[in-house]
PDB file of all heavy atoms in Angstrom:
ATOM      1  N   GLU A   1     -10.931  -7.083  12.062  1.00  0.00           N
ATOM      2  CA  GLU A   1     -11.891  -7.590  13.030  1.00  0.00           C
ATOM      3  C   GLU A   1     -12.172  -9.076  12.862  1.00  0.00           C
ATOM      4  O   GLU A   1     -12.998  -9.627  13.596  1.00  0.00           O
ATOM      5  CB  GLU A   1     -13.202  -6.810  12.927  1.00  0.00           C
ATOM      6  CG  GLU A   1     -13.062  -5.328  13.238  1.00  0.00           C
ATOM      7  CD  GLU A   1     -12.671  -5.073  14.678  1.00  0.00           C
ATOM      8  OE1 GLU A   1     -13.035  -5.886  15.561  1.00  0.00           O
ATOM      9  OE2 GLU A   1     -12.004  -4.061  14.944  1.00  0.00           O
ATOM     10  N   ASN A   2     -11.495  -9.725  11.909  1.00  0.00           N
ATOM     11  CA  ASN A   2     -11.723 -11.145  11.637  1.00  0.00           C
ATOM     12  C   ASN A   2     -13.202 -11.440  11.412  1.00  0.00           C
ATOM     13  O   ASN A   2     -13.737 -12.432  11.917  1.00  0.00           O
ATOM     14  CB  ASN A   2     -11.176 -12.015  12.774  1.00  0.00           C
ATOM     15  CG  ASN A   2      -9.666 -12.083  12.790  1.00  0.00           C
ATOM     16  OD1 ASN A   2      -9.019 -11.966  11.749  1.00  0.00           O
ATOM     17  ND2 ASN A   2      -9.098 -12.287  13.967  1.00  0.00           N
ATOM     18  N   THR A   3     -13.845 -10.584  10.646  1.00  0.00           N
ATOM     19  CA  THR A   3     -15.276 -10.685  10.426  1.00  0.00           C
ATOM     20  C   THR A   3     -15.586 -10.683   8.937  1.00  0.00           C
ATOM     21  O   THR A   3     -15.012  -9.904   8.179  1.00  0.00           O
ATOM     22  CB  THR A   3     -16.019  -9.532  11.112  1.00  0.00           C
ATOM     23  OG1 THR A   3     -15.770  -9.589  12.525  1.00  0.00           O
ATOM     24  CG2 THR A   3     -17.512  -9.618  10.866  1.00  0.00           C
ATOM     25  N   VAL A   4     -16.502 -11.550   8.546  1.00  0.00           N
ATOM     26  CA  VAL A   4     -16.998 -11.627   7.181  1.00  0.00           C
ATOM     27  C   VAL A   4     -18.483 -11.313   7.195  1.00  0.00           C
ATOM     28  O   VAL A   4     -19.205 -11.728   8.113  1.00  0.00           O
ATOM     29  CB  VAL A   4     -16.726 -13.014   6.568  1.00  0.00           C
ATOM     30  CG1 VAL A   4     -17.375 -13.136   5.199  1.00  0.00           C
ATOM     31  CG2 VAL A   4     -15.232 -13.260   6.459  1.00  0.00           C
ATOM     32  N   TYR A   5     -18.942 -10.594   6.187  1.00  0.00           N
ATOM     33  CA  TYR A   5     -20.331 -10.167   6.097  1.00  0.00           C
ATOM     34  C   TYR A   5     -20.982 -10.739   4.848  1.00  0.00           C
ATOM     35  O   TYR A   5     -20.332 -10.996   3.839  1.00  0.00           O
ATOM     36  CB  TYR A   5     -20.433  -8.643   6.044  1.00  0.00           C
ATOM     37  CG  TYR A   5     -19.784  -7.950   7.207  1.00  0.00           C
ATOM     38  CD1 TYR A   5     -18.489  -7.463   7.113  1.00  0.00           C
ATOM     39  CD2 TYR A   5     -20.468  -7.784   8.405  1.00  0.00           C
ATOM     40  CE1 TYR A   5     -17.885  -6.829   8.175  1.00  0.00           C
ATOM     41  CE2 TYR A   5     -19.871  -7.150   9.477  1.00  0.00           C
ATOM     42  CZ  TYR A   5     -18.581  -6.671   9.360  1.00  0.00           C
ATOM     43  OH  TYR A   5     -17.989  -6.044  10.423  1.00  0.00           O
ATOM     44  N   LEU A   6     -22.286 -10.913   4.926  1.00  0.00           N
ATOM     45  CA  LEU A   6     -23.090 -11.242   3.762  1.00  0.00           C
ATOM     46  C   LEU A   6     -24.261 -10.274   3.728  1.00  0.00           C
ATOM     47  O   LEU A   6     -25.193 -10.391   4.527  1.00  0.00           O
ATOM     48  CB  LEU A   6     -23.586 -12.687   3.797  1.00  0.00           C
ATOM     49  CG  LEU A   6     -24.342 -13.146   2.550  1.00  0.00           C
ATOM     50  CD1 LEU A   6     -23.386 -13.233   1.353  1.00  0.00           C
ATOM     51  CD2 LEU A   6     -25.021 -14.490   2.782  1.00  0.00           C
ATOM     52  N   GLN A   7     -24.188  -9.293   2.836  1.00  0.00           N
ATOM     53  CA  GLN A   7     -25.278  -8.357   2.640  1.00  0.00           C
ATOM     54  C   GLN A   7     -26.260  -8.969   1.662  1.00  0.00           C
ATOM     55  O   GLN A   7     -25.900  -9.269   0.524  1.00  0.00           O
ATOM     56  CB  GLN A   7     -24.752  -7.026   2.105  1.00  0.00           C
ATOM     57  CG  GLN A   7     -25.833  -5.989   1.835  1.00  0.00           C
ATOM     58  CD  GLN A   7     -26.498  -5.507   3.097  1.00  0.00           C
ATOM     59  OE1 GLN A   7     -25.828  -5.200   4.077  1.00  0.00           O
ATOM     60  NE2 GLN A   7     -27.825  -5.446   3.081  1.00  0.00           N
ATOM     61  N   MET A   8     -27.499  -9.155   2.095  1.00  0.00           N
ATOM     62  CA  MET A   8     -28.518  -9.811   1.300  1.00  0.00           C
ATOM     63  C   MET A   8     -29.602  -8.796   0.966  1.00  0.00           C
ATOM     64  O   MET A   8     -30.315  -8.327   1.855  1.00  0.00           O
ATOM     65  CB  MET A   8     -29.107 -11.006   2.047  1.00  0.00           C
ATOM     66  CG  MET A   8     -28.061 -12.013   2.501  1.00  0.00           C
ATOM     67  SD  MET A   8     -28.786 -13.492   3.251  1.00  0.00           S
ATOM     68  CE  MET A   8     -29.515 -12.766   4.724  1.00  0.00           C
ATOM     69  N   ASN A   9     -29.721  -8.464  -0.305  1.00  0.00           N
ATOM     70  CA  ASN A   9     -30.719  -7.521  -0.779  1.00  0.00           C
ATOM     71  C   ASN A   9     -31.716  -8.226  -1.686  1.00  0.00           C
ATOM     72  O   ASN A   9     -31.460  -9.319  -2.186  1.00  0.00           O
ATOM     73  CB  ASN A   9     -30.061  -6.371  -1.542  1.00  0.00           C
ATOM     74  CG  ASN A   9     -29.146  -5.540  -0.679  1.00  0.00           C
ATOM     75  OD1 ASN A   9     -29.399  -5.346   0.510  1.00  0.00           O
ATOM     76  ND2 ASN A   9     -28.084  -5.014  -1.282  1.00  0.00           N
ATOM     77  N   THR A  10     -32.844  -7.569  -1.911  1.00  0.00           N
ATOM     78  CA  THR A  10     -33.899  -8.107  -2.771  1.00  0.00           C
ATOM     79  C   THR A  10     -34.202  -9.552  -2.400  1.00  0.00           C
ATOM     80  O   THR A  10     -34.229 -10.448  -3.249  1.00  0.00           O
ATOM     81  CB  THR A  10     -33.506  -7.982  -4.255  1.00  0.00           C
ATOM     82  OG1 THR A  10     -32.869  -6.726  -4.495  1.00  0.00           O
ATOM     83  CG2 THR A  10     -34.748  -8.054  -5.151  1.00  0.00           C
ATOM     84  N   LEU A  11     -34.438  -9.767  -1.125  1.00  0.00           N
ATOM     85  CA  LEU A  11     -34.658 -11.119  -0.625  1.00  0.00           C
ATOM     86  C   LEU A  11     -35.909 -11.732  -1.230  1.00  0.00           C
ATOM     87  O   LEU A  11     -36.902 -11.051  -1.486  1.00  0.00           O
ATOM     88  CB  LEU A  11     -34.763 -11.108   0.892  1.00  0.00           C
ATOM     89  CG  LEU A  11     -33.430 -10.961   1.631  1.00  0.00           C
ATOM     90  CD1 LEU A  11     -33.666 -10.549   3.077  1.00  0.00           C
ATOM     91  CD2 LEU A  11     -32.646 -12.264   1.567  1.00  0.00           C
ATOM     92  N   LYS A  12     -35.837 -13.038  -1.436  1.00  0.00           N
ATOM     93  CA  LYS A  12     -36.938 -13.827  -1.967  1.00  0.00           C
ATOM     94  C   LYS A  12     -37.313 -14.913  -0.970  1.00  0.00           C
ATOM     95  O   LYS A  12     -36.471 -15.335  -0.175  1.00  0.00           O
ATOM     96  CB  LYS A  12     -36.541 -14.479  -3.296  1.00  0.00           C
ATOM     97  CG  LYS A  12     -36.085 -13.503  -4.366  1.00  0.00           C
ATOM     98  CD  LYS A  12     -35.613 -14.253  -5.602  1.00  0.00           C
ATOM     99  CE  LYS A  12     -35.165 -13.298  -6.685  1.00  0.00           C
ATOM    100  NZ  LYS A  12     -34.689 -14.028  -7.887  1.00  0.00           N
ATOM    101  N   PRO A  13     -38.560 -15.393  -0.997  1.00  0.00           N
ATOM    102  CA  PRO A  13     -38.935 -16.480  -0.091  1.00  0.00           C
ATOM    103  C   PRO A  13     -38.019 -17.694  -0.208  1.00  0.00           C
ATOM    104  O   PRO A  13     -37.764 -18.364   0.803  1.00  0.00           O
ATOM    105  CB  PRO A  13     -40.366 -16.813  -0.516  1.00  0.00           C
ATOM    106  CG  PRO A  13     -40.892 -15.526  -1.046  1.00  0.00           C
ATOM    107  CD  PRO A  13     -39.726 -14.878  -1.743  1.00  0.00           C
ATOM    108  N   GLU A  14     -37.515 -17.981  -1.384  1.00  0.00           N
ATOM    109  CA  GLU A  14     -36.630 -19.117  -1.562  1.00  0.00           C
ATOM    110  C   GLU A  14     -35.251 -18.925  -0.940  1.00  0.00           C
ATOM    111  O   GLU A  14     -34.444 -19.859  -0.925  1.00  0.00           O
ATOM    112  CB  GLU A  14     -36.479 -19.480  -3.050  1.00  0.00           C
ATOM    113  CG  GLU A  14     -36.123 -18.304  -3.935  1.00  0.00           C
ATOM    114  CD  GLU A  14     -37.336 -17.695  -4.618  1.00  0.00           C
ATOM    115  OE1 GLU A  14     -38.364 -17.488  -3.947  1.00  0.00           O
ATOM    116  OE2 GLU A  14     -37.255 -17.427  -5.845  1.00  0.00           O
ATOM    117  N   ASP A  15     -34.963 -17.729  -0.422  1.00  0.00           N
ATOM    118  CA  ASP A  15     -33.744 -17.505   0.337  1.00  0.00           C
ATOM    119  C   ASP A  15     -33.863 -18.002   1.776  1.00  0.00           C
ATOM    120  O   ASP A  15     -32.863 -18.011   2.503  1.00  0.00           O
ATOM    121  CB  ASP A  15     -33.371 -16.024   0.353  1.00  0.00           C
ATOM    122  CG  ASP A  15     -33.002 -15.496  -1.018  1.00  0.00           C
ATOM    123  OD1 ASP A  15     -32.335 -16.213  -1.783  1.00  0.00           O
ATOM    124  OD2 ASP A  15     -33.384 -14.341  -1.323  1.00  0.00           O
ATOM    125  N   THR A  16     -35.055 -18.384   2.193  1.00  0.00           N
ATOM    126  CA  THR A  16     -35.263 -18.881   3.547  1.00  0.00           C
ATOM    127  C   THR A  16     -34.425 -20.128   3.783  1.00  0.00           C
ATOM    128  O   THR A  16     -34.525 -21.108   3.043  1.00  0.00           O
ATOM    129  CB  THR A  16     -36.742 -19.186   3.786  1.00  0.00           C
ATOM    130  OG1 THR A  16     -37.505 -17.980   3.706  1.00  0.00           O
ATOM    131  CG2 THR A  16     -36.951 -19.813   5.155  1.00  0.00           C
ATOM    132  N   ALA A  17     -33.595 -20.096   4.813  1.00  0.00           N
ATOM    133  CA  ALA A  17     -32.689 -21.201   5.107  1.00  0.00           C
ATOM    134  C   ALA A  17     -31.904 -20.871   6.362  1.00  0.00           C
ATOM    135  O   ALA A  17     -31.924 -19.736   6.850  1.00  0.00           O
ATOM    136  CB  ALA A  17     -31.724 -21.446   3.941  1.00  0.00           C
ATOM    137  N   VAL A  18     -31.205 -21.861   6.873  1.00  0.00           N
ATOM    138  CA  VAL A  18     -30.167 -21.625   7.866  1.00  0.00           C
ATOM    139  C   VAL A  18     -28.882 -21.318   7.112  1.00  0.00           C
ATOM    140  O   VAL A  18     -28.473 -22.083   6.234  1.00  0.00           O
ATOM    141  CB  VAL A  18     -29.975 -22.829   8.797  1.00  0.00           C
ATOM    142  CG1 VAL A  18     -28.811 -22.587   9.758  1.00  0.00           C
ATOM    143  CG2 VAL A  18     -31.258 -23.104   9.578  1.00  0.00           C
ATOM    144  N   TYR A  19     -28.263 -20.210   7.446  1.00  0.00           N
ATOM    145  CA  TYR A  19     -27.042 -19.775   6.780  1.00  0.00           C
ATOM    146  C   TYR A  19     -25.843 -20.080   7.668  1.00  0.00           C
ATOM    147  O   TYR A  19     -25.838 -19.758   8.852  1.00  0.00           O
ATOM    148  CB  TYR A  19     -27.102 -18.282   6.463  1.00  0.00           C
ATOM    149  CG  TYR A  19     -27.977 -17.971   5.278  1.00  0.00           C
ATOM    150  CD1 TYR A  19     -29.356 -18.085   5.372  1.00  0.00           C
ATOM    151  CD2 TYR A  19     -27.420 -17.588   4.057  1.00  0.00           C
ATOM    152  CE1 TYR A  19     -30.169 -17.831   4.279  1.00  0.00           C
ATOM    153  CE2 TYR A  19     -28.225 -17.321   2.962  1.00  0.00           C
ATOM    154  CZ  TYR A  19     -29.595 -17.444   3.081  1.00  0.00           C
ATOM    155  OH  TYR A  19     -30.395 -17.181   1.993  1.00  0.00           O
ATOM    156  N   TYR A  20     -24.835 -20.704   7.075  1.00  0.00           N
ATOM    157  CA  TYR A  20     -23.630 -21.102   7.779  1.00  0.00           C
ATOM    158  C   TYR A  20     -22.414 -20.414   7.181  1.00  0.00           C
ATOM    159  O   TYR A  20     -22.283 -20.333   5.961  1.00  0.00           O
ATOM    160  CB  TYR A  20     -23.402 -22.612   7.668  1.00  0.00           C
ATOM    161  CG  TYR A  20     -24.496 -23.471   8.236  1.00  0.00           C
ATOM    162  CD1 TYR A  20     -25.564 -23.870   7.448  1.00  0.00           C
ATOM    163  CD2 TYR A  20     -24.445 -23.896   9.557  1.00  0.00           C
ATOM    164  CE1 TYR A  20     -26.568 -24.672   7.966  1.00  0.00           C
ATOM    165  CE2 TYR A  20     -25.442 -24.700  10.074  1.00  0.00           C
ATOM    166  CZ  TYR A  20     -26.502 -25.084   9.271  1.00  0.00           C
ATOM    167  OH  TYR A  20     -27.487 -25.885   9.786  1.00  0.00           O
ATOM    168  N   CYS A  21     -21.520 -19.952   8.023  1.00  0.00           N
ATOM    169  CA  CYS A  21     -20.212 -19.555   7.531  1.00  0.00           C
ATOM    170  C   CYS A  21     -19.224 -20.677   7.782  1.00  0.00           C
ATOM    171  O   CYS A  21     -19.383 -21.484   8.705  1.00  0.00           O
ATOM    172  CB  CYS A  21     -19.728 -18.242   8.156  1.00  0.00           C
ATOM    173  SG  CYS A  21     -19.419 -18.280   9.929  1.00  0.00           S
ATOM    174  N   ALA A  22     -18.233 -20.751   6.923  1.00  0.00           N
ATOM    175  CA  ALA A  22     -17.230 -21.798   7.007  1.00  0.00           C
ATOM    176  C   ALA A  22     -15.927 -21.274   6.434  1.00  0.00           C
ATOM    177  O   ALA A  22     -15.924 -20.366   5.594  1.00  0.00           O
ATOM    178  CB  ALA A  22     -17.677 -23.044   6.239  1.00  0.00           C
ATOM    179  N   THR A  23     -14.822 -21.853   6.868  1.00  0.00           N
ATOM    180  CA  THR A  23     -13.521 -21.449   6.357  1.00  0.00           C
ATOM    181  C   THR A  23     -12.722 -22.668   5.947  1.00  0.00           C
ATOM    182  O   THR A  23     -12.815 -23.733   6.574  1.00  0.00           O
ATOM    183  CB  THR A  23     -12.751 -20.605   7.390  1.00  0.00           C
ATOM    184  OG1 THR A  23     -11.539 -20.103   6.808  1.00  0.00           O
ATOM    185  CG2 THR A  23     -12.412 -21.423   8.631  1.00  0.00           C
ATOM    186  N   GLY A  24     -11.950 -22.517   4.902  1.00  0.00           N
ATOM    187  CA  GLY A  24     -11.132 -23.595   4.389  1.00  0.00           C
ATOM    188  C   GLY A  24     -10.450 -23.162   3.117  1.00  0.00           C
ATOM    189  O   GLY A  24     -10.036 -22.007   2.977  1.00  0.00           O
ATOM    190  N   ARG A  25     -10.355 -24.074   2.167  1.00  0.00           N
ATOM    191  CA  ARG A  25      -9.742 -23.768   0.885  1.00  0.00           C
ATOM    192  C   ARG A  25     -10.626 -22.839   0.059  1.00  0.00           C
ATOM    193  O   ARG A  25     -11.818 -22.677   0.352  1.00  0.00           O
ATOM    194  CB  ARG A  25      -9.489 -25.061   0.101  1.00  0.00           C
ATOM    195  CG  ARG A  25      -8.571 -26.049   0.799  1.00  0.00           C
ATOM    196  CD  ARG A  25      -8.440 -27.336   0.014  1.00  0.00           C
ATOM    197  NE  ARG A  25      -7.834 -27.100  -1.297  1.00  0.00           N
ATOM    198  CZ  ARG A  25      -7.658 -28.043  -2.219  1.00  0.00           C
ATOM    199  NH1 ARG A  25      -8.048 -29.286  -1.973  1.00  0.00           N
ATOM    200  NH2 ARG A  25      -7.097 -27.744  -3.375  1.00  0.00           N
ATOM    201  N   TRP A  26     -10.046 -22.234  -0.957  1.00  0.00           N
ATOM    202  CA  TRP A  26     -10.807 -21.440  -1.920  1.00  0.00           C
ATOM    203  C   TRP A  26     -11.645 -22.425  -2.730  1.00  0.00           C
ATOM    204  O   TRP A  26     -11.169 -23.024  -3.698  1.00  0.00           O
ATOM    205  CB  TRP A  26      -9.848 -20.638  -2.803  1.00  0.00           C
ATOM    206  CG  TRP A  26     -10.484 -19.895  -3.928  1.00  0.00           C
ATOM    207  CD1 TRP A  26     -10.268 -20.076  -5.254  1.00  0.00           C
ATOM    208  CD2 TRP A  26     -11.430 -18.823  -3.832  1.00  0.00           C
ATOM    209  NE1 TRP A  26     -11.011 -19.201  -5.990  1.00  0.00           N
ATOM    210  CE2 TRP A  26     -11.739 -18.411  -5.147  1.00  0.00           C
ATOM    211  CE3 TRP A  26     -12.044 -18.165  -2.761  1.00  0.00           C
ATOM    212  CZ2 TRP A  26     -12.637 -17.377  -5.420  1.00  0.00           C
ATOM    213  CZ3 TRP A  26     -12.942 -17.138  -3.030  1.00  0.00           C
ATOM    214  CH2 TRP A  26     -13.225 -16.761  -4.338  1.00  0.00           C
ATOM    215  N   SER A  27     -12.903 -22.599  -2.324  1.00  0.00           N
ATOM    216  CA  SER A  27     -13.726 -23.670  -2.854  1.00  0.00           C
ATOM    217  C   SER A  27     -15.190 -23.397  -2.549  1.00  0.00           C
ATOM    218  O   SER A  27     -15.520 -22.705  -1.580  1.00  0.00           O
ATOM    219  CB  SER A  27     -13.311 -25.017  -2.234  1.00  0.00           C
ATOM    220  OG  SER A  27     -14.188 -26.057  -2.614  1.00  0.00           O
ATOM    221  N   ALA A  28     -16.062 -23.951  -3.384  1.00  0.00           N
ATOM    222  CA  ALA A  28     -17.498 -23.915  -3.167  1.00  0.00           C
ATOM    223  C   ALA A  28     -18.029 -25.253  -2.652  1.00  0.00           C
ATOM    224  O   ALA A  28     -19.244 -25.452  -2.615  1.00  0.00           O
ATOM    225  CB  ALA A  28     -18.221 -23.538  -4.460  1.00  0.00           C
ATOM    226  N   LEU A  29     -17.146 -26.139  -2.255  1.00  0.00           N
ATOM    227  CA  LEU A  29     -17.528 -27.471  -1.811  1.00  0.00           C
ATOM    228  C   LEU A  29     -17.510 -27.570  -0.295  1.00  0.00           C
ATOM    229  O   LEU A  29     -16.500 -27.241   0.334  1.00  0.00           O
ATOM    230  CB  LEU A  29     -16.585 -28.526  -2.393  1.00  0.00           C
ATOM    231  CG  LEU A  29     -16.500 -28.581  -3.918  1.00  0.00           C
ATOM    232  CD1 LEU A  29     -15.438 -29.580  -4.344  1.00  0.00           C
ATOM    233  CD2 LEU A  29     -17.843 -28.931  -4.521  1.00  0.00           C
ATOM    234  N   PRO A  30     -18.598 -28.034   0.313  1.00  0.00           N
ATOM    235  CA  PRO A  30     -18.602 -28.178   1.769  1.00  0.00           C
ATOM    236  C   PRO A  30     -17.470 -29.041   2.297  1.00  0.00           C
ATOM    237  O   PRO A  30     -16.929 -28.762   3.377  1.00  0.00           O
ATOM    238  CB  PRO A  30     -19.971 -28.814   2.058  1.00  0.00           C
ATOM    239  CG  PRO A  30     -20.829 -28.401   0.909  1.00  0.00           C
ATOM    240  CD  PRO A  30     -19.911 -28.369  -0.278  1.00  0.00           C
ATOM    241  N   GLU A  31     -17.086 -30.074   1.546  1.00  0.00           N
ATOM    242  CA  GLU A  31     -16.046 -30.976   2.011  1.00  0.00           C
ATOM    243  C   GLU A  31     -14.666 -30.348   2.058  1.00  0.00           C
ATOM    244  O   GLU A  31     -13.754 -30.903   2.675  1.00  0.00           O
ATOM    245  CB  GLU A  31     -16.009 -32.249   1.148  1.00  0.00           C
ATOM    246  CG  GLU A  31     -15.869 -31.982  -0.339  1.00  0.00           C
ATOM    247  CD  GLU A  31     -17.207 -31.987  -1.064  1.00  0.00           C
ATOM    248  OE1 GLU A  31     -18.190 -31.466  -0.503  1.00  0.00           O
ATOM    249  OE2 GLU A  31     -17.266 -32.522  -2.184  1.00  0.00           O
ATOM    250  N   ASP A  32     -14.492 -29.184   1.434  1.00  0.00           N
ATOM    251  CA  ASP A  32     -13.221 -28.477   1.485  1.00  0.00           C
ATOM    252  C   ASP A  32     -13.129 -27.497   2.648  1.00  0.00           C
ATOM    253  O   ASP A  32     -12.099 -26.848   2.819  1.00  0.00           O
ATOM    254  CB  ASP A  32     -12.967 -27.724   0.184  1.00  0.00           C
ATOM    255  CG  ASP A  32     -12.588 -28.636  -0.962  1.00  0.00           C
ATOM    256  OD1 ASP A  32     -12.050 -29.730  -0.708  1.00  0.00           O
ATOM    257  OD2 ASP A  32     -12.826 -28.256  -2.124  1.00  0.00           O
ATOM    258  N   MET A  33     -14.186 -27.393   3.425  1.00  0.00           N
ATOM    259  CA  MET A  33     -14.187 -26.500   4.569  1.00  0.00           C
ATOM    260  C   MET A  33     -13.643 -27.200   5.805  1.00  0.00           C
ATOM    261  O   MET A  33     -13.921 -28.382   6.031  1.00  0.00           O
ATOM    262  CB  MET A  33     -15.594 -25.981   4.856  1.00  0.00           C
ATOM    263  CG  MET A  33     -16.235 -25.244   3.673  1.00  0.00           C
ATOM    264  SD  MET A  33     -15.365 -23.711   3.227  1.00  0.00           S
ATOM    265  CE  MET A  33     -14.518 -24.239   1.724  1.00  0.00           C
ATOM    266  N   ASP A  34     -12.878 -26.473   6.611  1.00  0.00           N
ATOM    267  CA  ASP A  34     -12.256 -27.027   7.810  1.00  0.00           C
ATOM    268  C   ASP A  34     -13.027 -26.712   9.087  1.00  0.00           C
ATOM    269  O   ASP A  34     -13.021 -27.519  10.024  1.00  0.00           O
ATOM    270  CB  ASP A  34     -10.829 -26.504   7.954  1.00  0.00           C
ATOM    271  CG  ASP A  34      -9.930 -26.922   6.807  1.00  0.00           C
ATOM    272  OD1 ASP A  34     -10.018 -28.090   6.381  1.00  0.00           O
ATOM    273  OD2 ASP A  34      -9.133 -26.087   6.345  1.00  0.00           O
ATOM    274  N   TYR A  35     -13.661 -25.550   9.150  1.00  0.00           N
ATOM    275  CA  TYR A  35     -14.384 -25.118  10.338  1.00  0.00           C
ATOM    276  C   TYR A  35     -15.716 -24.526   9.930  1.00  0.00           C
ATOM    277  O   TYR A  35     -15.834 -23.865   8.893  1.00  0.00           O
ATOM    278  CB  TYR A  35     -13.582 -24.083  11.131  1.00  0.00           C
ATOM    279  CG  TYR A  35     -12.236 -24.572  11.590  1.00  0.00           C
ATOM    280  CD1 TYR A  35     -11.094 -24.283  10.864  1.00  0.00           C
ATOM    281  CD2 TYR A  35     -12.113 -25.327  12.755  1.00  0.00           C
ATOM    282  CE1 TYR A  35      -9.853 -24.735  11.280  1.00  0.00           C
ATOM    283  CE2 TYR A  35     -10.874 -25.779  13.176  1.00  0.00           C
ATOM    284  CZ  TYR A  35      -9.755 -25.485  12.438  1.00  0.00           C
ATOM    285  OH  TYR A  35      -8.530 -25.934  12.855  1.00  0.00           O
ATOM    286  N   TRP A  36     -16.721 -24.747  10.777  1.00  0.00           N
ATOM    287  CA  TRP A  36     -18.080 -24.284  10.525  1.00  0.00           C
ATOM    288  C   TRP A  36     -18.651 -23.554  11.724  1.00  0.00           C
ATOM    289  O   TRP A  36     -18.391 -23.921  12.875  1.00  0.00           O
ATOM    290  CB  TRP A  36     -18.999 -25.465  10.221  1.00  0.00           C
ATOM    291  CG  TRP A  36     -18.721 -26.143   8.916  1.00  0.00           C
ATOM    292  CD1 TRP A  36     -17.782 -27.105   8.681  1.00  0.00           C
ATOM    293  CD2 TRP A  36     -19.394 -25.922   7.681  1.00  0.00           C
ATOM    294  NE1 TRP A  36     -17.822 -27.500   7.365  1.00  0.00           N
ATOM    295  CE2 TRP A  36     -18.811 -26.790   6.729  1.00  0.00           C
ATOM    296  CE3 TRP A  36     -20.434 -25.085   7.284  1.00  0.00           C
ATOM    297  CZ2 TRP A  36     -19.240 -26.835   5.404  1.00  0.00           C
ATOM    298  CZ3 TRP A  36     -20.861 -25.128   5.966  1.00  0.00           C
ATOM    299  CH2 TRP A  36     -20.263 -25.999   5.049  1.00  0.00           C
ATOM    300  N   GLY A  37     -19.457 -22.532  11.443  1.00  0.00           N
ATOM    301  CA  GLY A  37     -20.291 -21.959  12.470  1.00  0.00           C
ATOM    302  C   GLY A  37     -21.528 -22.800  12.681  1.00  0.00           C
ATOM    303  O   GLY A  37     -21.787 -23.767  11.954  1.00  0.00           O
ATOM    304  N   LYS A  38     -22.313 -22.438  13.682  1.00  0.00           N
ATOM    305  CA  LYS A  38     -23.514 -23.202  14.014  1.00  0.00           C
ATOM    306  C   LYS A  38     -24.742 -22.773  13.221  1.00  0.00           C
ATOM    307  O   LYS A  38     -25.764 -23.454  13.268  1.00  0.00           O
ATOM    308  CB  LYS A  38     -23.806 -23.092  15.507  1.00  0.00           C
ATOM    309  CG  LYS A  38     -22.752 -23.755  16.372  1.00  0.00           C
ATOM    310  CD  LYS A  38     -23.098 -23.681  17.848  1.00  0.00           C
ATOM    311  CE  LYS A  38     -22.055 -24.388  18.690  1.00  0.00           C
ATOM    312  NZ  LYS A  38     -22.374 -24.328  20.139  1.00  0.00           N
ATOM    313  N   GLY A  39     -24.657 -21.679  12.502  1.00  0.00           N
ATOM    314  CA  GLY A  39     -25.722 -21.254  11.623  1.00  0.00           C
ATOM    315  C   GLY A  39     -26.615 -20.184  12.225  1.00  0.00           C
ATOM    316  O   GLY A  39     -26.732 -20.047  13.440  1.00  0.00           O
ATOM    317  N   THR A  40     -27.259 -19.424  11.353  1.00  0.00           N
ATOM    318  CA  THR A  40     -28.239 -18.429  11.753  1.00  0.00           C
ATOM    319  C   THR A  40     -29.409 -18.492  10.777  1.00  0.00           C
ATOM    320  O   THR A  40     -29.218 -18.599   9.571  1.00  0.00           O
ATOM    321  CB  THR A  40     -27.612 -17.018  11.809  1.00  0.00           C
ATOM    322  OG1 THR A  40     -28.560 -16.085  12.323  1.00  0.00           O
ATOM    323  CG2 THR A  40     -27.128 -16.563  10.442  1.00  0.00           C
TER     324      THR A  40
END
């Protein structure tokens, strides 16, 4: 389905944020990402 999920349990107030998905290299660096969603 070309779909990635993020199951978030035991949420904390500090988890409040805009969450973005991105695709690119196997990396934790934003600069290594090629495409971004608009966020939720």
